[in-house]
């Protein structure tokens, strides 16, 4: 299972990203991600908040040829996903603006 992470927005408007193999995650983080994907089997897109300085997050999981995407901003991060988000942020690097 491959995880593609993208963080954008915020006050500075920077773009950061990372690709991570799920096996490199803490087992609890991987389990929480699997649980969220099972609860939301289709791609989930939450409406962006009107606060322009919030970070926007996109987590795309590719598993067995299927892709699912979770999108949210700082105000919508599920509490159980915060440890995984912290790990993905630490692994991310600046990305060029497209």
N, C-alpha and C. Protein backbone atom coordinates (compact mmCIF):
# COMPACT_ATOMS: atom_id res chain seq x y z
N UNK A 1 0.85 -1.17 0.00
CA UNK A 1 0.00 0.00 0.00
C UNK A 1 0.90 1.24 0.00
N UNK A 2 0.65 2.13 -0.98
CA UNK A 2 1.44 3.35 -1.10
C UNK A 2 0.58 4.54 -0.71
N UNK A 3 1.18 5.47 0.02
CA UNK A 3 0.48 6.67 0.48
C UNK A 3 1.16 7.88 -0.14
N UNK A 4 0.35 8.70 -0.81
CA UNK A 4 0.83 9.96 -1.36
C UNK A 4 0.22 11.08 -0.53
N UNK A 5 1.06 11.93 0.02
CA UNK A 5 0.62 13.00 0.91
C UNK A 5 0.94 14.34 0.27
N UNK A 6 0.00 15.27 0.39
CA UNK A 6 0.21 16.62 -0.12
C UNK A 6 -0.38 17.61 0.87
N UNK A 7 0.41 18.62 1.21
CA UNK A 7 -0.01 19.70 2.11
C UNK A 7 0.16 21.01 1.36
N UNK A 8 -0.89 21.81 1.35
CA UNK A 8 -0.81 23.10 0.66
C UNK A 8 -1.47 24.17 1.52
N UNK A 9 -1.34 25.39 1.05
CA UNK A 9 -1.99 26.50 1.74
C UNK A 9 -1.21 26.99 2.94
N UNK A 10 -1.94 27.44 3.92
CA UNK A 10 -1.31 28.05 5.08
C UNK A 10 -0.98 29.50 4.78
N UNK A 11 -0.45 30.18 5.75
CA UNK A 11 -0.14 31.59 5.62
C UNK A 11 0.84 31.85 4.48
N UNK A 12 1.87 30.98 4.36
CA UNK A 12 2.89 31.18 3.33
C UNK A 12 2.51 30.55 1.99
N UNK A 13 1.48 29.72 1.96
CA UNK A 13 1.04 29.11 0.71
C UNK A 13 2.01 28.08 0.14
N UNK A 14 2.81 27.47 0.98
CA UNK A 14 3.79 26.49 0.51
C UNK A 14 3.14 25.16 0.15
N UNK A 15 3.81 24.41 -0.70
CA UNK A 15 3.36 23.08 -1.10
C UNK A 15 4.42 22.09 -0.64
N UNK A 16 3.96 21.05 0.10
CA UNK A 16 4.86 20.00 0.58
C UNK A 16 4.23 18.66 0.22
N UNK A 17 5.07 17.65 0.11
CA UNK A 17 4.52 16.34 -0.22
C UNK A 17 5.48 15.22 0.09
N UNK A 18 4.94 14.00 0.05
CA UNK A 18 5.75 12.80 0.31
C UNK A 18 5.03 11.59 -0.23
N UNK A 19 5.81 10.57 -0.56
CA UNK A 19 5.28 9.24 -0.89
C UNK A 19 5.85 8.30 0.14
N UNK A 20 4.97 7.51 0.77
CA UNK A 20 5.38 6.65 1.87
C UNK A 20 4.78 5.26 1.67
N UNK A 21 5.57 4.25 1.89
CA UNK A 21 5.05 2.88 1.90
C UNK A 21 4.39 2.67 3.26
N UNK A 22 3.19 2.13 3.27
CA UNK A 22 2.47 1.93 4.52
C UNK A 22 3.23 1.06 5.51
N UNK A 23 4.10 0.20 5.01
CA UNK A 23 4.89 -0.65 5.91
C UNK A 23 5.89 0.16 6.73
N UNK A 24 6.19 1.38 6.28
CA UNK A 24 7.12 2.24 7.02
C UNK A 24 6.44 3.01 8.14
N UNK A 25 5.11 2.89 8.23
CA UNK A 25 4.37 3.61 9.27
C UNK A 25 4.34 2.83 10.57
N UNK A 26 4.09 3.54 11.64
CA UNK A 26 3.81 2.91 12.92
C UNK A 26 2.56 2.05 12.73
N UNK A 27 2.52 0.85 13.30
CA UNK A 27 1.35 -0.02 13.10
C UNK A 27 0.02 0.63 13.49
N UNK A 28 0.01 1.44 14.53
CA UNK A 28 -1.23 2.11 14.94
C UNK A 28 -1.68 3.11 13.89
N UNK A 29 -0.72 3.83 13.30
CA UNK A 29 -1.06 4.81 12.27
C UNK A 29 -1.62 4.11 11.03
N UNK A 30 -0.97 3.02 10.62
CA UNK A 30 -1.44 2.27 9.45
C UNK A 30 -2.83 1.69 9.70
N UNK A 31 -3.07 1.21 10.89
CA UNK A 31 -4.37 0.65 11.23
C UNK A 31 -5.46 1.72 11.21
N UNK A 32 -5.15 2.90 11.71
CA UNK A 32 -6.13 3.99 11.71
C UNK A 32 -6.46 4.42 10.28
N UNK A 33 -5.46 4.48 9.43
CA UNK A 33 -5.70 4.84 8.04
C UNK A 33 -6.59 3.79 7.37
N UNK A 34 -6.32 2.52 7.59
CA UNK A 34 -7.15 1.45 7.03
C UNK A 34 -8.59 1.56 7.54
N UNK A 35 -8.75 1.87 8.81
CA UNK A 35 -10.09 2.01 9.39
C UNK A 35 -10.85 3.15 8.72
N UNK A 36 -10.19 4.30 8.55
CA UNK A 36 -10.84 5.44 7.91
C UNK A 36 -11.24 5.12 6.47
N UNK A 37 -10.39 4.40 5.76
CA UNK A 37 -10.70 4.04 4.38
C UNK A 37 -11.85 3.04 4.31
N UNK A 38 -11.94 2.15 5.29
CA UNK A 38 -13.05 1.19 5.32
C UNK A 38 -14.37 1.90 5.63
N UNK A 39 -14.32 2.91 6.49
CA UNK A 39 -15.52 3.68 6.82
C UNK A 39 -15.97 4.53 5.64
N UNK A 40 -15.02 4.92 4.80
CA UNK A 40 -15.29 5.78 3.65
C UNK A 40 -14.73 5.10 2.40
N UNK A 41 -15.36 4.04 1.91
CA UNK A 41 -14.79 3.28 0.80
C UNK A 41 -14.64 4.07 -0.49
N UNK A 42 -15.46 5.07 -0.71
CA UNK A 42 -15.31 5.92 -1.89
C UNK A 42 -14.38 7.08 -1.52
N UNK A 43 -13.88 7.76 -2.53
CA UNK A 43 -13.05 8.93 -2.26
C UNK A 43 -13.87 9.95 -1.48
N UNK A 44 -13.27 10.52 -0.48
CA UNK A 44 -13.98 11.48 0.37
C UNK A 44 -13.38 12.86 0.16
N UNK A 45 -14.20 13.80 -0.19
CA UNK A 45 -13.76 15.18 -0.33
C UNK A 45 -14.63 16.04 0.57
N UNK A 46 -14.01 16.69 1.50
CA UNK A 46 -14.75 17.59 2.38
C UNK A 46 -14.63 19.00 1.83
N UNK A 47 -15.67 19.75 1.97
CA UNK A 47 -15.65 21.13 1.50
C UNK A 47 -14.60 21.92 2.27
N UNK A 48 -13.85 22.70 1.53
CA UNK A 48 -12.80 23.50 2.15
C UNK A 48 -13.43 24.61 3.00
N UNK A 49 -12.78 24.89 4.10
CA UNK A 49 -13.22 25.96 4.97
C UNK A 49 -12.99 27.30 4.28
N UNK A 50 -13.70 28.31 4.71
CA UNK A 50 -13.53 29.64 4.12
C UNK A 50 -12.30 30.35 4.67
N UNK A 51 -11.66 29.79 5.68
CA UNK A 51 -10.46 30.40 6.24
C UNK A 51 -9.29 30.11 5.30
N UNK A 52 -8.77 31.11 4.66
CA UNK A 52 -7.76 30.92 3.63
C UNK A 52 -6.38 30.58 4.17
N UNK A 53 -6.12 30.81 5.43
CA UNK A 53 -4.78 30.54 5.94
C UNK A 53 -4.65 29.14 6.55
N UNK A 54 -5.67 28.31 6.42
CA UNK A 54 -5.58 26.94 6.92
C UNK A 54 -4.82 26.07 5.92
N UNK A 55 -4.11 25.09 6.45
CA UNK A 55 -3.46 24.12 5.57
C UNK A 55 -4.51 23.17 5.01
N UNK A 56 -4.31 22.76 3.78
CA UNK A 56 -5.16 21.77 3.12
C UNK A 56 -4.33 20.49 3.00
N UNK A 57 -4.95 19.35 3.29
CA UNK A 57 -4.26 18.07 3.24
C UNK A 57 -4.96 17.13 2.28
N UNK A 58 -4.17 16.37 1.56
CA UNK A 58 -4.70 15.34 0.67
C UNK A 58 -3.87 14.08 0.90
N UNK A 59 -4.56 13.00 1.25
CA UNK A 59 -3.90 11.72 1.44
C UNK A 59 -4.53 10.75 0.44
N UNK A 60 -3.73 10.28 -0.51
CA UNK A 60 -4.19 9.32 -1.50
C UNK A 60 -3.53 7.99 -1.19
N UNK A 61 -4.34 6.96 -1.11
CA UNK A 61 -3.84 5.62 -0.81
C UNK A 61 -4.06 4.76 -2.04
N UNK A 62 -2.98 4.14 -2.50
CA UNK A 62 -3.04 3.24 -3.64
C UNK A 62 -2.80 1.83 -3.11
N UNK A 63 -3.81 0.97 -3.32
CA UNK A 63 -3.72 -0.39 -2.79
C UNK A 63 -4.39 -1.34 -3.77
N UNK A 64 -3.61 -2.27 -4.31
CA UNK A 64 -4.17 -3.25 -5.22
C UNK A 64 -4.80 -2.64 -6.46
N UNK A 65 -4.20 -1.60 -6.99
CA UNK A 65 -4.73 -0.96 -8.18
C UNK A 65 -5.86 0.01 -7.93
N UNK A 66 -6.32 0.14 -6.69
CA UNK A 66 -7.39 1.08 -6.34
C UNK A 66 -6.78 2.30 -5.66
N UNK A 67 -7.34 3.47 -5.99
CA UNK A 67 -6.90 4.71 -5.35
C UNK A 67 -8.08 5.31 -4.61
N UNK A 68 -7.80 5.75 -3.40
CA UNK A 68 -8.80 6.47 -2.61
C UNK A 68 -8.14 7.69 -2.01
N UNK A 69 -8.89 8.78 -1.96
CA UNK A 69 -8.33 10.04 -1.50
C UNK A 69 -9.17 10.62 -0.37
N UNK A 70 -8.48 11.07 0.66
CA UNK A 70 -9.10 11.82 1.76
C UNK A 70 -8.58 13.25 1.68
N UNK A 71 -9.47 14.23 1.74
CA UNK A 71 -9.08 15.63 1.71
C UNK A 71 -9.74 16.36 2.87
N UNK A 72 -8.97 17.24 3.51
CA UNK A 72 -9.49 18.02 4.62
C UNK A 72 -8.56 19.17 4.90
N UNK A 73 -9.01 20.11 5.72
CA UNK A 73 -8.14 21.21 6.13
C UNK A 73 -7.89 21.09 7.64
N UNK A 74 -7.12 22.03 8.18
CA UNK A 74 -6.76 21.98 9.60
C UNK A 74 -7.96 21.86 10.52
N UNK A 75 -9.07 22.47 10.15
CA UNK A 75 -10.24 22.45 11.02
C UNK A 75 -11.03 21.15 10.95
N UNK A 76 -10.70 20.27 9.99
CA UNK A 76 -11.48 19.07 9.76
C UNK A 76 -10.71 17.77 10.01
N UNK A 77 -9.49 17.84 10.49
CA UNK A 77 -8.68 16.63 10.68
C UNK A 77 -9.31 15.77 11.78
N UNK A 78 -9.65 14.51 11.45
CA UNK A 78 -10.17 13.62 12.49
C UNK A 78 -9.11 13.41 13.58
N UNK A 79 -9.50 13.46 14.84
CA UNK A 79 -8.55 13.32 15.94
C UNK A 79 -7.70 12.06 15.82
N UNK A 80 -8.32 10.98 15.41
CA UNK A 80 -7.59 9.71 15.32
C UNK A 80 -6.53 9.73 14.21
N UNK A 81 -6.65 10.65 13.26
CA UNK A 81 -5.71 10.73 12.14
C UNK A 81 -4.54 11.68 12.43
N UNK A 82 -4.61 12.43 13.51
CA UNK A 82 -3.55 13.41 13.82
C UNK A 82 -2.15 12.80 13.95
N UNK A 83 -1.97 11.64 14.61
CA UNK A 83 -0.62 11.07 14.67
C UNK A 83 -0.06 10.72 13.28
N UNK A 84 -0.90 10.16 12.41
CA UNK A 84 -0.46 9.85 11.05
C UNK A 84 -0.13 11.13 10.29
N UNK A 85 -0.96 12.15 10.43
CA UNK A 85 -0.71 13.42 9.75
C UNK A 85 0.62 14.01 10.21
N UNK A 86 0.90 13.91 11.49
CA UNK A 86 2.19 14.41 12.01
C UNK A 86 3.35 13.68 11.36
N UNK A 87 3.26 12.36 11.25
CA UNK A 87 4.31 11.56 10.62
C UNK A 87 4.48 11.95 9.16
N UNK A 88 3.38 12.09 8.44
CA UNK A 88 3.46 12.44 7.02
C UNK A 88 4.05 13.84 6.84
N UNK A 89 3.72 14.76 7.71
CA UNK A 89 4.30 16.11 7.64
C UNK A 89 5.82 16.05 7.85
N UNK A 90 6.25 15.21 8.79
CA UNK A 90 7.69 15.09 9.07
C UNK A 90 8.43 14.49 7.87
N UNK A 91 7.78 13.61 7.13
CA UNK A 91 8.41 12.96 5.98
C UNK A 91 8.33 13.81 4.71
N UNK A 92 7.49 14.85 4.72
CA UNK A 92 7.28 15.64 3.52
C UNK A 92 8.42 16.62 3.28
N UNK A 93 8.53 16.99 2.00
CA UNK A 93 9.57 17.93 1.57
C UNK A 93 8.90 18.99 0.69
N UNK A 94 9.51 20.16 0.56
CA UNK A 94 8.95 21.18 -0.32
C UNK A 94 8.81 20.64 -1.75
N UNK A 95 7.70 21.01 -2.39
CA UNK A 95 7.42 20.60 -3.76
C UNK A 95 7.32 21.84 -4.64
N UNK A 96 7.66 21.68 -5.90
CA UNK A 96 7.53 22.85 -6.80
C UNK A 96 6.05 23.18 -7.03
N UNK A 97 5.77 24.46 -7.15
CA UNK A 97 4.40 24.88 -7.45
C UNK A 97 4.14 24.60 -8.93
N UNK A 98 2.97 24.02 -9.22
CA UNK A 98 2.71 23.70 -10.62
C UNK A 98 1.97 24.79 -11.32
